[in-house]
């Protein structure tokens, strides 16, 4: 199950300015939020009730009522776990924060992944002669890990930051592109995804943002 307070903190920069006001209020005053309705929260945050409702639905499928129920259970957890790891934390606190974040990430991923999508992706990878893996920045570390894992099982894998070399290689028959981008908006990753799409090559996108440019390119194919 998605942790509401952690998600509000972790995804804060992805919200609109008005949504950020609501998110900040919920993070700072969770015990008050569970006793309030949309109008009361809007009065405290100086935004419209519609903004409160919209953010609640974005975070929790059952909207504000479900969000409040879940937050009520979460406030029993040590609030410090929702904050970033910092130099002043002792080792035990750091360990607990990392455990909490990793568990949250795995839980969210498990909820989002659909069995049929995973099956389609594995079938494409299994049948491909060449697997091209691309990611920039921190996503490149994930791409490098993919390369290592696939090589271990005998697959032909090409992983490079050279977009021109990658684009040329994609023209080979029976290839598949795995593009990794948390935001789904990285310039180079979007370019490679468009190239693969124009060549009608299967694309597996790994991104946190369902409405990103990369996700839309893949879904519209």
N, C-alpha and C. Protein backbone atom coordinates (compact mmCIF):
# COMPACT_ATOMS: atom_id res chain seq x y z
N UNK A 1 0.84 -1.20 0.00
CA UNK A 1 0.00 0.00 0.00
C UNK A 1 0.88 1.25 0.00
N UNK A 2 0.50 2.24 -0.81
CA UNK A 2 1.27 3.47 -0.91
C UNK A 2 1.23 4.24 0.41
N UNK A 3 2.39 4.72 0.85
CA UNK A 3 2.46 5.54 2.06
C UNK A 3 2.17 6.99 1.66
N UNK A 4 1.09 7.54 2.17
CA UNK A 4 0.62 8.86 1.76
C UNK A 4 1.62 9.97 2.09
N UNK A 5 2.05 10.04 3.33
CA UNK A 5 2.93 11.13 3.76
C UNK A 5 4.27 11.07 3.04
N UNK A 6 4.79 9.87 2.86
CA UNK A 6 6.06 9.74 2.16
C UNK A 6 5.90 10.13 0.69
N UNK A 7 4.80 9.72 0.07
CA UNK A 7 4.55 10.06 -1.33
C UNK A 7 4.41 11.56 -1.51
N UNK A 8 3.71 12.22 -0.59
CA UNK A 8 3.57 13.68 -0.66
C UNK A 8 4.93 14.36 -0.61
N UNK A 9 5.80 13.85 0.25
CA UNK A 9 7.14 14.42 0.38
C UNK A 9 8.01 14.09 -0.82
N UNK A 10 7.95 12.84 -1.26
CA UNK A 10 8.82 12.36 -2.34
C UNK A 10 8.45 12.97 -3.69
N UNK A 11 7.14 13.18 -3.92
CA UNK A 11 6.67 13.69 -5.22
C UNK A 11 6.36 15.19 -5.18
N UNK A 12 6.78 15.86 -4.14
CA UNK A 12 6.41 17.26 -3.90
C UNK A 12 6.67 18.16 -5.11
N UNK A 13 7.84 18.03 -5.73
CA UNK A 13 8.20 18.91 -6.84
C UNK A 13 7.36 18.66 -8.09
N UNK A 14 6.66 17.56 -8.14
CA UNK A 14 5.85 17.23 -9.31
C UNK A 14 4.45 17.85 -9.24
N UNK A 15 4.09 18.39 -8.07
CA UNK A 15 2.77 18.98 -7.91
C UNK A 15 2.76 20.43 -8.40
N UNK A 16 1.57 20.93 -8.72
CA UNK A 16 1.43 22.34 -9.07
C UNK A 16 1.66 23.18 -7.82
N UNK A 17 1.81 24.49 -7.99
CA UNK A 17 2.08 25.35 -6.83
C UNK A 17 0.96 25.29 -5.80
N UNK A 18 -0.27 25.29 -6.27
CA UNK A 18 -1.40 25.24 -5.34
C UNK A 18 -1.46 23.88 -4.64
N UNK A 19 -1.15 22.81 -5.39
CA UNK A 19 -1.13 21.47 -4.80
C UNK A 19 -0.01 21.35 -3.78
N UNK A 20 1.11 22.04 -4.03
CA UNK A 20 2.23 22.00 -3.08
C UNK A 20 1.84 22.62 -1.74
N UNK A 21 1.00 23.64 -1.77
CA UNK A 21 0.54 24.25 -0.52
C UNK A 21 -0.24 23.24 0.32
N UNK A 22 -1.09 22.47 -0.36
CA UNK A 22 -1.89 21.45 0.33
C UNK A 22 -0.98 20.33 0.82
N UNK A 23 -0.06 19.91 -0.04
CA UNK A 23 0.86 18.82 0.32
C UNK A 23 1.70 19.21 1.53
N UNK A 24 2.22 20.44 1.54
CA UNK A 24 3.04 20.89 2.66
C UNK A 24 2.23 20.92 3.95
N UNK A 25 0.98 21.34 3.86
CA UNK A 25 0.12 21.38 5.05
C UNK A 25 -0.13 19.96 5.57
N UNK A 26 -0.38 19.03 4.66
CA UNK A 26 -0.63 17.64 5.07
C UNK A 26 0.60 17.01 5.71
N UNK A 27 1.77 17.33 5.16
CA UNK A 27 3.02 16.78 5.70
C UNK A 27 3.30 17.36 7.09
N UNK A 28 3.07 18.68 7.24
CA UNK A 28 3.40 19.35 8.50
C UNK A 28 2.35 19.14 9.59
N UNK A 29 1.08 18.97 9.19
CA UNK A 29 0.01 18.87 10.19
C UNK A 29 -0.91 17.67 9.92
N UNK A 30 -0.36 16.47 9.84
CA UNK A 30 -1.19 15.30 9.52
C UNK A 30 -2.28 15.02 10.54
N UNK A 31 -2.02 15.31 11.81
CA UNK A 31 -3.02 15.05 12.86
C UNK A 31 -4.21 15.99 12.75
N UNK A 32 -3.98 17.17 12.21
CA UNK A 32 -5.09 18.10 11.98
C UNK A 32 -5.87 17.71 10.73
N UNK A 33 -5.15 17.28 9.70
CA UNK A 33 -5.77 16.94 8.42
C UNK A 33 -6.83 15.86 8.57
N UNK A 34 -6.56 14.86 9.40
CA UNK A 34 -7.50 13.74 9.52
C UNK A 34 -8.81 14.15 10.18
N UNK A 35 -8.85 15.37 10.75
CA UNK A 35 -10.07 15.86 11.39
C UNK A 35 -10.78 16.91 10.52
N UNK A 36 -10.25 17.17 9.32
CA UNK A 36 -10.76 18.27 8.51
C UNK A 36 -11.39 17.78 7.20
N UNK A 37 -12.29 18.61 6.64
CA UNK A 37 -12.84 18.32 5.32
C UNK A 37 -12.13 19.19 4.28
N UNK A 38 -12.51 19.04 3.02
CA UNK A 38 -11.83 19.75 1.94
C UNK A 38 -11.92 21.26 2.10
N UNK A 39 -13.08 21.76 2.52
CA UNK A 39 -13.26 23.20 2.68
C UNK A 39 -12.36 23.75 3.79
N UNK A 40 -12.25 23.02 4.88
CA UNK A 40 -11.41 23.47 5.99
C UNK A 40 -9.93 23.47 5.61
N UNK A 41 -9.51 22.45 4.87
CA UNK A 41 -8.11 22.41 4.42
C UNK A 41 -7.84 23.54 3.43
N UNK A 42 -8.82 23.82 2.57
CA UNK A 42 -8.64 24.89 1.58
C UNK A 42 -8.52 26.25 2.27
N UNK A 43 -9.29 26.45 3.35
CA UNK A 43 -9.20 27.71 4.10
C UNK A 43 -7.81 27.89 4.72
N UNK A 44 -7.26 26.81 5.23
CA UNK A 44 -5.94 26.89 5.88
C UNK A 44 -4.81 27.06 4.88
N UNK A 45 -5.00 26.56 3.67
CA UNK A 45 -3.92 26.60 2.68
C UNK A 45 -4.13 27.68 1.62
N UNK A 46 -5.27 28.37 1.67
CA UNK A 46 -5.57 29.44 0.73
C UNK A 46 -5.60 28.96 -0.72
N UNK A 47 -6.19 27.80 -0.92
CA UNK A 47 -6.42 27.28 -2.28
C UNK A 47 -7.89 26.87 -2.36
N UNK A 48 -8.33 26.50 -3.54
CA UNK A 48 -9.73 26.10 -3.69
C UNK A 48 -9.96 24.69 -3.17
N UNK A 49 -11.19 24.38 -2.72
CA UNK A 49 -11.51 23.01 -2.29
C UNK A 49 -11.26 22.00 -3.41
N UNK A 50 -11.46 22.44 -4.66
CA UNK A 50 -11.23 21.55 -5.80
C UNK A 50 -9.77 21.10 -5.87
N UNK A 51 -8.85 22.00 -5.49
CA UNK A 51 -7.43 21.65 -5.49
C UNK A 51 -7.14 20.59 -4.45
N UNK A 52 -7.76 20.72 -3.29
CA UNK A 52 -7.59 19.74 -2.21
C UNK A 52 -8.08 18.37 -2.67
N UNK A 53 -9.27 18.36 -3.27
CA UNK A 53 -9.86 17.10 -3.74
C UNK A 53 -9.01 16.49 -4.85
N UNK A 54 -8.52 17.34 -5.76
CA UNK A 54 -7.71 16.85 -6.88
C UNK A 54 -6.41 16.20 -6.39
N UNK A 55 -5.74 16.85 -5.46
CA UNK A 55 -4.49 16.29 -4.94
C UNK A 55 -4.76 14.98 -4.20
N UNK A 56 -5.83 14.95 -3.42
CA UNK A 56 -6.17 13.74 -2.66
C UNK A 56 -6.40 12.56 -3.61
N UNK A 57 -7.12 12.80 -4.71
CA UNK A 57 -7.39 11.73 -5.67
C UNK A 57 -6.12 11.32 -6.41
N UNK A 58 -5.21 12.28 -6.59
CA UNK A 58 -3.95 11.98 -7.26
C UNK A 58 -3.09 11.05 -6.41
N UNK A 59 -3.22 11.18 -5.10
CA UNK A 59 -2.41 10.40 -4.17
C UNK A 59 -3.11 9.13 -3.71
N UNK A 60 -4.43 9.20 -3.57
CA UNK A 60 -5.19 8.06 -3.03
C UNK A 60 -6.42 7.80 -3.90
N UNK A 61 -6.60 6.58 -4.37
CA UNK A 61 -7.70 6.25 -5.27
C UNK A 61 -9.06 6.57 -4.68
N UNK A 62 -9.20 6.43 -3.37
CA UNK A 62 -10.49 6.68 -2.73
C UNK A 62 -10.66 8.13 -2.29
N UNK A 63 -9.78 9.01 -2.76
CA UNK A 63 -9.93 10.43 -2.49
C UNK A 63 -9.60 10.84 -1.07
N UNK A 64 -10.12 12.00 -0.68
CA UNK A 64 -9.80 12.56 0.64
C UNK A 64 -10.23 11.66 1.81
N UNK A 65 -11.42 11.04 1.77
CA UNK A 65 -11.80 10.16 2.89
C UNK A 65 -10.80 9.02 3.10
N UNK A 66 -10.41 8.37 2.00
CA UNK A 66 -9.45 7.28 2.10
C UNK A 66 -8.08 7.77 2.52
N UNK A 67 -7.70 8.96 2.01
CA UNK A 67 -6.41 9.54 2.37
C UNK A 67 -6.33 9.78 3.87
N UNK A 68 -7.40 10.32 4.44
CA UNK A 68 -7.40 10.62 5.89
C UNK A 68 -7.31 9.35 6.73
N UNK A 69 -7.99 8.30 6.28
CA UNK A 69 -7.94 7.03 7.01
C UNK A 69 -6.52 6.48 7.02
N UNK A 70 -5.87 6.57 5.85
CA UNK A 70 -4.51 6.03 5.76
C UNK A 70 -3.52 6.88 6.54
N UNK A 71 -3.68 8.20 6.47
CA UNK A 71 -2.79 9.09 7.21
C UNK A 71 -2.93 8.84 8.71
N UNK A 72 -4.14 8.55 9.15
CA UNK A 72 -4.37 8.28 10.57
C UNK A 72 -3.55 7.09 11.04
N UNK A 73 -3.37 6.10 10.17
CA UNK A 73 -2.56 4.94 10.55
C UNK A 73 -1.07 5.24 10.43
N UNK A 74 -0.73 6.15 9.52
CA UNK A 74 0.68 6.46 9.29
C UNK A 74 1.29 7.33 10.38
N UNK A 75 0.47 8.16 11.03
CA UNK A 75 1.04 9.07 12.04
C UNK A 75 1.50 8.32 13.29
N UNK A 76 1.22 7.02 13.33
CA UNK A 76 1.73 6.20 14.43
C UNK A 76 3.20 5.85 14.19
N UNK A 77 3.65 6.07 12.94
CA UNK A 77 5.04 5.78 12.57
C UNK A 77 5.91 6.99 12.90
N UNK A 78 7.16 6.75 13.22
CA UNK A 78 8.11 7.82 13.53
C UNK A 78 8.18 8.80 12.36
N UNK A 79 7.83 10.08 12.62
CA UNK A 79 7.81 11.09 11.57
C UNK A 79 9.16 11.27 10.89
N UNK A 80 10.24 11.00 11.59
CA UNK A 80 11.58 11.23 11.04
C UNK A 80 11.85 10.34 9.83
N UNK A 81 11.11 9.23 9.70
CA UNK A 81 11.34 8.33 8.57
C UNK A 81 10.95 8.96 7.24
N UNK A 82 10.10 9.99 7.29
CA UNK A 82 9.65 10.63 6.06
C UNK A 82 10.64 11.67 5.54
N UNK A 83 11.64 12.02 6.33
CA UNK A 83 12.60 13.04 5.93
C UNK A 83 13.81 12.41 5.24
N UNK A 84 14.57 13.26 4.54
CA UNK A 84 15.76 12.79 3.84
C UNK A 84 16.84 12.38 4.83
N UNK A 85 17.70 11.47 4.40
CA UNK A 85 18.87 11.11 5.21
C UNK A 85 19.79 12.32 5.26
N UNK A 86 20.27 12.68 6.45
CA UNK A 86 21.18 13.82 6.55
C UNK A 86 22.35 13.48 7.46
N UNK A 87 23.44 14.25 7.38
CA UNK A 87 24.67 13.95 8.13
C UNK A 87 24.49 13.87 9.64
N UNK A 88 23.45 14.52 10.16
CA UNK A 88 23.26 14.53 11.62
C UNK A 88 22.60 13.24 12.13
N UNK A 89 22.05 12.43 11.22
CA UNK A 89 21.42 11.17 11.62
C UNK A 89 22.47 10.18 12.12
N UNK A 90 22.12 9.44 13.18
CA UNK A 90 23.05 8.38 13.58
C UNK A 90 22.81 7.17 12.67
N UNK A 91 23.66 6.18 12.76
CA UNK A 91 23.63 5.05 11.83
C UNK A 91 22.30 4.31 11.86
N UNK A 92 21.73 4.10 13.05
CA UNK A 92 20.47 3.37 13.15
C UNK A 92 19.34 4.11 12.43
N UNK A 93 19.31 5.44 12.59
CA UNK A 93 18.27 6.25 11.94
C UNK A 93 18.43 6.16 10.42
N UNK A 94 19.67 6.25 9.95
CA UNK A 94 19.92 6.13 8.51
C UNK A 94 19.44 4.79 7.97
N UNK A 95 19.74 3.73 8.71
CA UNK A 95 19.34 2.39 8.29
C UNK A 95 17.82 2.28 8.19
N UNK A 96 17.12 2.82 9.19
CA UNK A 96 15.66 2.74 9.20
C UNK A 96 15.06 3.57 8.06
N UNK A 97 15.64 4.74 7.81
CA UNK A 97 15.15 5.58 6.71
C UNK A 97 15.32 4.88 5.37
N UNK A 98 16.48 4.27 5.16
CA UNK A 98 16.74 3.57 3.90
C UNK A 98 15.82 2.37 3.75
N UNK A 99 15.62 1.64 4.84
CA UNK A 99 14.71 0.48 4.81
C UNK A 99 13.30 0.93 4.45
N UNK A 100 12.86 2.03 5.05
CA UNK A 100 11.52 2.55 4.80
C UNK A 100 11.36 2.96 3.34
N UNK A 101 12.35 3.67 2.81
CA UNK A 101 12.28 4.15 1.43
C UNK A 101 12.30 3.01 0.42
N UNK A 102 13.17 2.03 0.67
CA UNK A 102 13.26 0.88 -0.24
C UNK A 102 11.96 0.08 -0.22
N UNK A 103 11.41 -0.14 0.97
CA UNK A 103 10.15 -0.88 1.09
C UNK A 103 9.02 -0.15 0.39
N UNK A 104 9.01 1.17 0.54
CA UNK A 104 7.98 1.99 -0.10
C UNK A 104 8.09 1.90 -1.62
N UNK A 105 9.32 2.00 -2.13
CA UNK A 105 9.54 1.95 -3.58
C UNK A 105 9.11 0.60 -4.15
N UNK A 106 9.47 -0.48 -3.46
CA UNK A 106 9.10 -1.81 -3.92
C UNK A 106 7.58 -1.99 -3.88
N UNK A 107 6.95 -1.50 -2.82
CA UNK A 107 5.50 -1.60 -2.70
C UNK A 107 4.78 -0.86 -3.81
N UNK A 108 5.24 0.37 -4.10
CA UNK A 108 4.62 1.16 -5.17
C UNK A 108 4.81 0.48 -6.53
N UNK A 109 6.01 -0.02 -6.77
CA UNK A 109 6.30 -0.68 -8.04
C UNK A 109 5.42 -1.91 -8.21
N UNK A 110 5.25 -2.66 -7.14
CA UNK A 110 4.42 -3.86 -7.18
C UNK A 110 2.96 -3.53 -7.49
N UNK A 111 2.49 -2.39 -6.98
CA UNK A 111 1.11 -1.97 -7.24
C UNK A 111 0.92 -1.53 -8.69
N UNK A 112 1.92 -0.84 -9.23
CA UNK A 112 1.80 -0.26 -10.56
C UNK A 112 1.95 -1.31 -11.66
N UNK A 113 2.89 -2.24 -11.48
CA UNK A 113 3.17 -3.23 -12.52
C UNK A 113 1.98 -4.15 -12.77
N UNK A 114 1.63 -4.30 -14.03
CA UNK A 114 0.55 -5.20 -14.42
C UNK A 114 1.15 -6.49 -14.96
N UNK A 115 0.56 -7.60 -14.58
CA UNK A 115 1.08 -8.92 -14.96
C UNK A 115 1.21 -9.05 -16.47
N UNK A 116 0.21 -8.60 -17.22
CA UNK A 116 0.24 -8.73 -18.68
C UNK A 116 1.37 -7.90 -19.29
N UNK A 117 1.61 -6.71 -18.73
CA UNK A 117 2.69 -5.86 -19.24
C UNK A 117 4.06 -6.50 -19.02
N UNK A 118 4.23 -7.10 -17.84
CA UNK A 118 5.50 -7.77 -17.54
C UNK A 118 5.70 -8.95 -18.49
N UNK A 119 4.62 -9.68 -18.75
CA UNK A 119 4.70 -10.84 -19.65
C UNK A 119 5.08 -10.39 -21.07
N UNK A 120 4.46 -9.31 -21.54
CA UNK A 120 4.77 -8.79 -22.88
C UNK A 120 6.24 -8.37 -22.97
N UNK A 121 6.72 -7.69 -21.93
CA UNK A 121 8.10 -7.20 -21.92
C UNK A 121 9.09 -8.36 -21.93
N UNK A 122 8.83 -9.37 -21.11
CA UNK A 122 9.75 -10.51 -21.06
C UNK A 122 9.75 -11.29 -22.37
N UNK A 123 8.59 -11.39 -23.01
CA UNK A 123 8.51 -12.10 -24.30
C UNK A 123 9.33 -11.36 -25.36
N UNK A 124 9.22 -10.03 -25.37
CA UNK A 124 9.95 -9.22 -26.35
C UNK A 124 11.46 -9.37 -26.15
N UNK A 125 11.89 -9.29 -24.89
CA UNK A 125 13.32 -9.41 -24.57
C UNK A 125 13.84 -10.80 -24.93
N UNK A 126 13.05 -11.82 -24.63
CA UNK A 126 13.47 -13.19 -24.90
C UNK A 126 13.66 -13.44 -26.39
N UNK A 127 12.79 -12.85 -27.21
CA UNK A 127 12.82 -13.10 -28.65
C UNK A 127 13.81 -12.20 -29.40
N UNK A 128 14.26 -11.12 -28.78
CA UNK A 128 15.14 -10.16 -29.46
C UNK A 128 16.55 -10.72 -29.65
N UNK A 129 17.14 -10.38 -30.79
CA UNK A 129 18.54 -10.75 -31.03
C UNK A 129 19.48 -9.76 -30.35
N UNK A 130 19.09 -8.49 -30.35
CA UNK A 130 19.91 -7.44 -29.73
C UNK A 130 19.05 -6.58 -28.81
N UNK A 131 19.57 -6.32 -27.61
CA UNK A 131 18.87 -5.48 -26.64
C UNK A 131 19.67 -4.20 -26.46
N UNK A 132 19.03 -3.06 -26.73
CA UNK A 132 19.67 -1.76 -26.54
C UNK A 132 19.10 -1.14 -25.27
N UNK A 133 20.00 -0.75 -24.37
CA UNK A 133 19.57 -0.18 -23.09
C UNK A 133 20.14 1.23 -22.97
N UNK A 134 19.26 2.19 -22.65
CA UNK A 134 19.71 3.59 -22.60
C UNK A 134 19.15 4.31 -21.38
N UNK A 135 20.01 5.11 -20.76
CA UNK A 135 19.59 5.96 -19.65
C UNK A 135 20.65 7.01 -19.40
N UNK A 136 20.24 8.19 -18.96
CA UNK A 136 21.17 9.28 -18.68
C UNK A 136 21.27 9.51 -17.17
N UNK A 137 22.41 10.03 -16.73
CA UNK A 137 22.57 10.35 -15.32
C UNK A 137 22.44 9.13 -14.43
N UNK A 138 21.63 9.25 -13.37
CA UNK A 138 21.42 8.13 -12.46
C UNK A 138 20.76 6.95 -13.16
N UNK A 139 19.96 7.24 -14.18
CA UNK A 139 19.29 6.17 -14.93
C UNK A 139 20.30 5.32 -15.70
N UNK A 140 21.46 5.91 -15.99
CA UNK A 140 22.50 5.14 -16.68
C UNK A 140 23.04 4.02 -15.80
N UNK A 141 23.03 4.24 -14.49
CA UNK A 141 23.47 3.18 -13.56
C UNK A 141 22.53 1.98 -13.65
N UNK A 142 21.24 2.28 -13.80
CA UNK A 142 20.25 1.20 -13.96
C UNK A 142 20.48 0.50 -15.29
N UNK A 143 20.75 1.29 -16.33
CA UNK A 143 21.00 0.72 -17.66
C UNK A 143 22.23 -0.19 -17.64
N UNK A 144 23.27 0.24 -16.93
CA UNK A 144 24.48 -0.58 -16.83
C UNK A 144 24.20 -1.88 -16.09
N UNK A 145 23.34 -1.80 -15.08
CA UNK A 145 22.99 -3.01 -14.33
C UNK A 145 22.20 -3.98 -15.21
N UNK A 146 21.30 -3.42 -16.04
CA UNK A 146 20.56 -4.25 -16.99
C UNK A 146 21.54 -4.98 -17.92
N UNK A 147 22.52 -4.23 -18.42
CA UNK A 147 23.49 -4.82 -19.34
C UNK A 147 24.20 -6.01 -18.68
N UNK A 148 24.64 -5.81 -17.46
CA UNK A 148 25.35 -6.88 -16.75
C UNK A 148 24.46 -8.11 -16.56
N UNK A 149 23.22 -7.87 -16.14
CA UNK A 149 22.31 -8.99 -15.87
C UNK A 149 21.96 -9.75 -17.15
N UNK A 150 21.71 -9.03 -18.24
CA UNK A 150 21.34 -9.70 -19.49
C UNK A 150 22.52 -10.47 -20.09
N UNK A 151 23.72 -9.92 -19.97
CA UNK A 151 24.91 -10.62 -20.47
C UNK A 151 25.09 -11.94 -19.74
N UNK A 152 24.77 -11.95 -18.46
CA UNK A 152 24.92 -13.17 -17.66
C UNK A 152 24.03 -14.30 -18.16
N UNK A 153 22.90 -13.94 -18.79
CA UNK A 153 22.01 -14.99 -19.29
C UNK A 153 22.17 -15.19 -20.80
N UNK A 154 23.27 -14.65 -21.33
CA UNK A 154 23.61 -14.92 -22.72
C UNK A 154 22.96 -14.04 -23.77
N UNK A 155 22.43 -12.88 -23.37
CA UNK A 155 21.80 -11.99 -24.35
C UNK A 155 22.82 -10.99 -24.89
N UNK A 156 22.61 -10.58 -26.13
CA UNK A 156 23.45 -9.56 -26.75
C UNK A 156 22.93 -8.19 -26.33
N UNK A 157 23.75 -7.43 -25.60
CA UNK A 157 23.29 -6.16 -25.04
C UNK A 157 24.22 -5.02 -25.45
N UNK A 158 23.63 -3.92 -25.90
CA UNK A 158 24.39 -2.72 -26.24
C UNK A 158 23.94 -1.60 -25.31
N UNK A 159 24.86 -1.07 -24.53
CA UNK A 159 24.55 0.01 -23.60
C UNK A 159 25.60 1.10 -23.75
N UNK A 160 25.19 2.29 -24.16
CA UNK A 160 26.13 3.38 -24.37
C UNK A 160 25.43 4.71 -24.17
N UNK A 161 26.21 5.75 -23.83
CA UNK A 161 25.67 7.10 -23.69
C UNK A 161 25.75 7.87 -25.01
N UNK A 162 26.37 7.25 -26.01
CA UNK A 162 26.50 7.87 -27.33
C UNK A 162 25.18 7.71 -28.09
N UNK A 163 24.40 8.77 -28.16
CA UNK A 163 23.08 8.69 -28.79
C UNK A 163 23.16 8.39 -30.28
N UNK A 164 24.22 8.87 -30.94
CA UNK A 164 24.37 8.62 -32.38
C UNK A 164 24.65 7.14 -32.63
N UNK A 165 25.54 6.58 -31.84
CA UNK A 165 25.86 5.16 -31.98
C UNK A 165 24.64 4.30 -31.66
N UNK A 166 23.90 4.71 -30.64
CA UNK A 166 22.69 3.98 -30.27
C UNK A 166 21.66 4.04 -31.39
N UNK A 167 21.47 5.22 -31.98
CA UNK A 167 20.48 5.40 -33.04
C UNK A 167 20.82 4.55 -34.27
N UNK A 168 22.11 4.49 -34.61
CA UNK A 168 22.54 3.68 -35.76
C UNK A 168 22.30 2.20 -35.48
N UNK A 169 22.63 1.76 -34.28
CA UNK A 169 22.48 0.36 -33.92
C UNK A 169 21.03 -0.11 -33.91
N UNK A 170 20.12 0.79 -33.59
CA UNK A 170 18.71 0.42 -33.50
C UNK A 170 18.13 -0.03 -34.84
N UNK A 171 18.83 0.31 -35.92
CA UNK A 171 18.33 -0.06 -37.25
C UNK A 171 18.48 -1.55 -37.53
N UNK A 172 19.23 -2.25 -36.69
CA UNK A 172 19.42 -3.69 -36.90
C UNK A 172 18.10 -4.42 -36.67
N UNK A 173 17.83 -5.46 -37.46
CA UNK A 173 16.56 -6.19 -37.32
C UNK A 173 16.46 -6.95 -36.00
N UNK A 174 15.23 -7.15 -35.58
CA UNK A 174 14.91 -7.91 -34.37
C UNK A 174 15.62 -7.37 -33.12
N UNK A 175 15.54 -6.04 -32.97
CA UNK A 175 16.12 -5.39 -31.80
C UNK A 175 15.00 -4.90 -30.88
N UNK A 176 15.36 -4.57 -29.64
CA UNK A 176 14.42 -3.98 -28.69
C UNK A 176 15.16 -2.90 -27.91
N UNK A 177 14.46 -1.82 -27.62
CA UNK A 177 15.05 -0.73 -26.83
C UNK A 177 14.43 -0.72 -25.44
N UNK A 178 15.29 -0.70 -24.43
CA UNK A 178 14.84 -0.49 -23.05
C UNK A 178 15.36 0.88 -22.64
N UNK A 179 14.47 1.82 -22.43
CA UNK A 179 14.88 3.18 -22.06
C UNK A 179 14.48 3.44 -20.61
N UNK A 180 15.44 3.94 -19.83
CA UNK A 180 15.23 4.18 -18.40
C UNK A 180 15.29 5.69 -18.15
N UNK A 181 14.22 6.24 -17.60
CA UNK A 181 14.18 7.67 -17.29
C UNK A 181 13.14 7.91 -16.21
N UNK A 182 13.57 8.34 -15.05
CA UNK A 182 12.64 8.56 -13.94
C UNK A 182 11.59 9.61 -14.30
N UNK A 183 12.03 10.72 -14.88
CA UNK A 183 11.10 11.80 -15.23
C UNK A 183 10.37 11.53 -16.54
N UNK A 184 11.00 10.74 -17.42
CA UNK A 184 10.41 10.49 -18.73
C UNK A 184 10.54 11.68 -19.65
N UNK A 185 11.37 12.65 -19.26
CA UNK A 185 11.50 13.88 -20.05
C UNK A 185 12.94 14.19 -20.44
N UNK A 186 13.89 13.34 -20.08
CA UNK A 186 15.29 13.60 -20.41
C UNK A 186 15.45 13.72 -21.92
N UNK A 187 16.09 14.80 -22.35
CA UNK A 187 16.19 15.12 -23.78
C UNK A 187 16.74 13.96 -24.61
N UNK A 188 17.88 13.41 -24.19
CA UNK A 188 18.52 12.34 -24.96
C UNK A 188 17.66 11.08 -24.98
N UNK A 189 17.04 10.78 -23.86
CA UNK A 189 16.19 9.58 -23.77
C UNK A 189 14.95 9.72 -24.65
N UNK A 190 14.39 10.92 -24.68
CA UNK A 190 13.23 11.17 -25.55
C UNK A 190 13.62 11.01 -27.02
N UNK A 191 14.82 11.50 -27.36
CA UNK A 191 15.30 11.41 -28.74
C UNK A 191 15.45 9.95 -29.17
N UNK A 192 16.10 9.15 -28.33
CA UNK A 192 16.31 7.74 -28.66
C UNK A 192 14.98 7.01 -28.77
N UNK A 193 14.04 7.35 -27.90
CA UNK A 193 12.72 6.72 -27.93
C UNK A 193 11.99 7.05 -29.23
N UNK A 194 12.10 8.30 -29.67
CA UNK A 194 11.47 8.70 -30.94
C UNK A 194 12.10 7.97 -32.12
N UNK A 195 13.43 7.82 -32.08
CA UNK A 195 14.13 7.11 -33.16
C UNK A 195 13.62 5.67 -33.24
N UNK A 196 13.56 5.00 -32.09
CA UNK A 196 13.10 3.61 -32.06
C UNK A 196 11.65 3.50 -32.54
N UNK A 197 10.84 4.48 -32.15
CA UNK A 197 9.43 4.48 -32.57
C UNK A 197 9.31 4.64 -34.08
N UNK A 198 10.14 5.52 -34.66
CA UNK A 198 10.10 5.74 -36.11
C UNK A 198 10.54 4.50 -36.88
N UNK A 199 11.37 3.67 -36.24
CA UNK A 199 11.85 2.44 -36.87
C UNK A 199 10.93 1.25 -36.55
N UNK A 200 9.86 1.54 -35.80
CA UNK A 200 8.89 0.51 -35.41
C UNK A 200 9.54 -0.62 -34.61
N UNK A 201 10.48 -0.24 -33.75
CA UNK A 201 11.18 -1.20 -32.90
C UNK A 201 10.46 -1.29 -31.55
N UNK A 202 10.31 -2.47 -30.98
CA UNK A 202 9.67 -2.59 -29.66
C UNK A 202 10.41 -1.75 -28.62
N UNK A 203 9.66 -1.05 -27.79
CA UNK A 203 10.26 -0.19 -26.76
C UNK A 203 9.69 -0.57 -25.39
N UNK A 204 10.58 -0.75 -24.44
CA UNK A 204 10.17 -0.96 -23.05
C UNK A 204 10.64 0.26 -22.27
N UNK A 205 9.70 1.05 -21.77
CA UNK A 205 10.05 2.26 -21.03
C UNK A 205 9.91 2.02 -19.54
N UNK A 206 10.94 2.38 -18.80
CA UNK A 206 10.92 2.28 -17.34
C UNK A 206 10.98 3.70 -16.80
N UNK A 207 9.84 4.20 -16.33
CA UNK A 207 9.75 5.58 -15.88
C UNK A 207 8.76 5.70 -14.74
N UNK A 208 8.96 6.73 -13.93
CA UNK A 208 8.08 6.98 -12.79
C UNK A 208 6.85 7.78 -13.21
N UNK A 209 6.95 8.43 -14.39
CA UNK A 209 5.90 9.37 -14.81
C UNK A 209 5.06 8.80 -15.95
N UNK A 210 3.83 8.42 -15.64
CA UNK A 210 2.94 7.83 -16.65
C UNK A 210 2.56 8.82 -17.75
N UNK A 211 2.53 10.11 -17.44
CA UNK A 211 2.12 11.12 -18.41
C UNK A 211 3.30 11.83 -19.06
N UNK A 212 4.47 11.26 -18.95
CA UNK A 212 5.67 11.89 -19.50
C UNK A 212 5.73 11.71 -21.02
N UNK A 213 6.65 12.43 -21.64
CA UNK A 213 6.82 12.34 -23.10
C UNK A 213 7.16 10.92 -23.53
N UNK A 214 8.09 10.29 -22.83
CA UNK A 214 8.50 8.93 -23.20
C UNK A 214 7.34 7.95 -23.06
N UNK A 215 6.60 8.05 -21.96
CA UNK A 215 5.46 7.15 -21.75
C UNK A 215 4.42 7.31 -22.85
N UNK A 216 4.17 8.56 -23.26
CA UNK A 216 3.18 8.81 -24.31
C UNK A 216 3.64 8.24 -25.65
N UNK A 217 4.93 8.37 -25.95
CA UNK A 217 5.44 7.82 -27.22
C UNK A 217 5.23 6.31 -27.25
N UNK A 218 5.54 5.66 -26.15
CA UNK A 218 5.43 4.20 -26.08
C UNK A 218 3.96 3.76 -26.13
N UNK A 219 3.10 4.45 -25.39
CA UNK A 219 1.69 4.06 -25.31
C UNK A 219 0.94 4.32 -26.61
N UNK A 220 1.39 5.30 -27.39
CA UNK A 220 0.70 5.64 -28.63
C UNK A 220 1.09 4.73 -29.79
N UNK A 221 2.06 3.87 -29.59
CA UNK A 221 2.50 2.97 -30.66
C UNK A 221 1.47 1.88 -30.91
